[in-house]
Amino acid sequence: MREIVIVVPDFEPEQNVEIEVTINGRKRVVHYRVELLNFEEEGAPPKDKVTVLKHRIASHEKDWELVEIGAPVNEKVPLMFRKKGEAIR
């Protein structure tokens, strides 16, 4: 199993989350970033939302990788990124 689900307390979007994990006595710190993509602010017509989403992901900092696209709430979609090289193996 490479991934586990951990329920974390609510936090503000656009903030970083740092999780320390111990596996077989070995500690690792994994960094996550949650960002909200607001389609209204992007001025995206309904038919172009996928294009806006693809552009946002492609233009993101290269040392972060997309790990999850959350369920939309109103015109906002949460995007979760993980710092590259920090996947738990």
C-alpha atoms as a PDB file:
ATOM      1  CA  MET A   1       0.000   0.000   0.000  1.00  0.00           C
ATOM      2  CA  ARG A   2       1.522   3.321  -1.049  1.00  0.00           C
ATOM      3  CA  GLU A   3      -1.185   5.717   0.062  1.00  0.00           C
ATOM      4  CA  ILE A   4      -3.220   6.079   3.226  1.00  0.00           C
ATOM      5  CA  VAL A   5      -6.026   8.480   4.017  1.00  0.00           C
ATOM      6  CA  ILE A   6      -5.700  10.730   7.039  1.00  0.00           C
ATOM      7  CA  VAL A   7      -8.500  13.042   8.084  1.00  0.00           C
ATOM      8  CA  VAL A   8      -6.981  16.388   9.045  1.00  0.00           C
ATOM      9  CA  PRO A   9      -8.737  19.273  10.771  1.00  0.00           C
ATOM     10  CA  ASP A  10     -10.155  22.000   8.572  1.00  0.00           C
ATOM     11  CA  PHE A  11      -7.588  24.522   7.501  1.00  0.00           C
ATOM     12  CA  GLU A  12      -7.557  27.520   5.246  1.00  0.00           C
ATOM     13  CA  PRO A  13      -6.934  26.908   1.552  1.00  0.00           C
ATOM     14  CA  GLU A  14      -3.672  28.093   0.034  1.00  0.00           C
ATOM     15  CA  GLN A  15      -1.771  26.807   3.048  1.00  0.00           C
ATOM     16  CA  ASN A  16       0.797  24.068   3.359  1.00  0.00           C
ATOM     17  CA  VAL A  17       0.314  20.918   5.430  1.00  0.00           C
ATOM     18  CA  GLU A  18       3.286  19.063   6.885  1.00  0.00           C
ATOM     19  CA  ILE A  19       2.773  15.472   8.007  1.00  0.00           C
ATOM     20  CA  GLU A  20       5.408  13.432   9.846  1.00  0.00           C
ATOM     21  CA  VAL A  21       5.084   9.703   9.294  1.00  0.00           C
ATOM     22  CA  THR A  22       6.956   6.855  10.976  1.00  0.00           C
ATOM     23  CA  ILE A  23       7.160   3.584   9.058  1.00  0.00           C
ATOM     24  CA  ASN A  24       9.130   0.718  10.587  1.00  0.00           C
ATOM     25  CA  GLY A  25      10.925   3.184  12.852  1.00  0.00           C
ATOM     26  CA  ARG A  26      11.946   5.455   9.963  1.00  0.00           C
ATOM     27  CA  LYS A  27      10.567   9.005  10.021  1.00  0.00           C
ATOM     28  CA  ARG A  28       9.612  11.006   6.945  1.00  0.00           C
ATOM     29  CA  VAL A  29       8.037  14.403   6.551  1.00  0.00           C
ATOM     30  CA  VAL A  30       5.659  14.881   3.645  1.00  0.00           C
ATOM     31  CA  HIS A  31       4.509  18.332   2.497  1.00  0.00           C
ATOM     32  CA  TYR A  32       1.125  18.958   0.917  1.00  0.00           C
ATOM     33  CA  ARG A  33      -0.408  22.123  -0.471  1.00  0.00           C
ATOM     34  CA  VAL A  34      -4.122  22.649  -1.024  1.00  0.00           C
ATOM     35  CA  GLU A  35      -5.198  25.380  -3.431  1.00  0.00           C
ATOM     36  CA  LEU A  36      -8.639  26.437  -4.564  1.00  0.00           C
ATOM     37  CA  LEU A  37      -9.272  26.987  -8.240  1.00  0.00           C
ATOM     38  CA  ASN A  38     -12.061  29.542  -8.485  1.00  0.00           C
ATOM     39  CA  PHE A  39     -13.655  29.403 -11.932  1.00  0.00           C
ATOM     40  CA  GLU A  40     -15.512  32.685 -11.379  1.00  0.00           C
ATOM     41  CA  GLU A  41     -12.250  34.532 -10.693  1.00  0.00           C
ATOM     42  CA  GLU A  42     -10.683  32.898 -13.751  1.00  0.00           C
ATOM     43  CA  GLY A  43     -13.613  34.125 -15.875  1.00  0.00           C
ATOM     44  CA  ALA A  44     -14.117  30.628 -17.247  1.00  0.00           C
ATOM     45  CA  PRO A  45     -17.283  29.921 -19.211  1.00  0.00           C
ATOM     46  CA  PRO A  46     -18.820  26.526 -18.313  1.00  0.00           C
ATOM     47  CA  LYS A  47     -17.511  24.807 -21.440  1.00  0.00           C
ATOM     48  CA  ASP A  48     -13.898  25.935 -20.769  1.00  0.00           C
ATOM     49  CA  LYS A  49     -13.556  24.750 -17.168  1.00  0.00           C
ATOM     50  CA  VAL A  50     -11.529  21.682 -18.110  1.00  0.00           C
ATOM     51  CA  THR A  51      -9.138  23.838 -20.153  1.00  0.00           C
ATOM     52  CA  VAL A  52      -8.684  26.240 -17.217  1.00  0.00           C
ATOM     53  CA  LEU A  53      -8.074  23.300 -14.872  1.00  0.00           C
ATOM     54  CA  LYS A  54      -5.471  21.761 -17.212  1.00  0.00           C
ATOM     55  CA  HIS A  55      -3.677  25.105 -17.582  1.00  0.00           C
ATOM     56  CA  ARG A  56      -3.583  25.665 -13.808  1.00  0.00           C
ATOM     57  CA  ILE A  57      -2.102  22.204 -13.221  1.00  0.00           C
ATOM     58  CA  ALA A  58       0.437  22.497 -16.058  1.00  0.00           C
ATOM     59  CA  SER A  59       1.619  25.927 -14.911  1.00  0.00           C
ATOM     60  CA  HIS A  60       2.067  24.902 -11.275  1.00  0.00           C
ATOM     61  CA  GLU A  61       5.534  24.888  -9.692  1.00  0.00           C
ATOM     62  CA  LYS A  62       7.499  21.943 -11.091  1.00  0.00           C
ATOM     63  CA  ASP A  63       8.662  20.675  -7.691  1.00  0.00           C
ATOM     64  CA  TRP A  64       5.050  19.908  -6.694  1.00  0.00           C
ATOM     65  CA  GLU A  65       2.890  17.128  -8.173  1.00  0.00           C
ATOM     66  CA  LEU A  66      -0.885  16.929  -8.319  1.00  0.00           C
ATOM     67  CA  VAL A  67      -2.221  14.123  -6.115  1.00  0.00           C
ATOM     68  CA  GLU A  68      -5.940  14.887  -5.971  1.00  0.00           C
ATOM     69  CA  ILE A  69      -8.655  16.999  -7.546  1.00  0.00           C
ATOM     70  CA  GLY A  70     -11.420  17.434  -4.994  1.00  0.00           C
ATOM     71  CA  ALA A  71     -15.156  17.682  -5.498  1.00  0.00           C
ATOM     72  CA  PRO A  72     -16.292  21.127  -6.676  1.00  0.00           C
ATOM     73  CA  VAL A  73     -18.106  23.379  -4.239  1.00  0.00           C
ATOM     74  CA  ASN A  74     -19.979  26.167  -6.008  1.00  0.00           C
ATOM     75  CA  GLU A  75     -17.424  27.512  -8.486  1.00  0.00           C
ATOM     76  CA  LYS A  76     -14.366  26.334  -6.540  1.00  0.00           C
ATOM     77  CA  VAL A  77     -12.351  23.130  -6.972  1.00  0.00           C
ATOM     78  CA  PRO A  78      -9.730  22.117  -4.385  1.00  0.00           C
ATOM     79  CA  LEU A  79      -6.420  20.891  -5.809  1.00  0.00           C
ATOM     80  CA  MET A  80      -4.009  18.974  -3.582  1.00  0.00           C
ATOM     81  CA  PHE A  81      -0.302  18.925  -4.458  1.00  0.00           C
ATOM     82  CA  ARG A  82       2.543  16.991  -2.824  1.00  0.00           C
ATOM     83  CA  LYS A  83       6.176  18.049  -2.842  1.00  0.00           C
ATOM     84  CA  LYS A  84       7.931  15.800  -5.383  1.00  0.00           C
ATOM     85  CA  GLY A  85      10.218  13.127  -4.056  1.00  0.00           C
ATOM     86  CA  GLU A  86       8.284  12.871  -0.807  1.00  0.00           C
ATOM     87  CA  ALA A  87       5.930  10.042  -1.696  1.00  0.00           C
ATOM     88  CA  ILE A  88       5.859   7.413   1.016  1.00  0.00           C
ATOM     89  CA  ARG A  89       7.333   4.189  -0.349  1.00  0.00           C
END
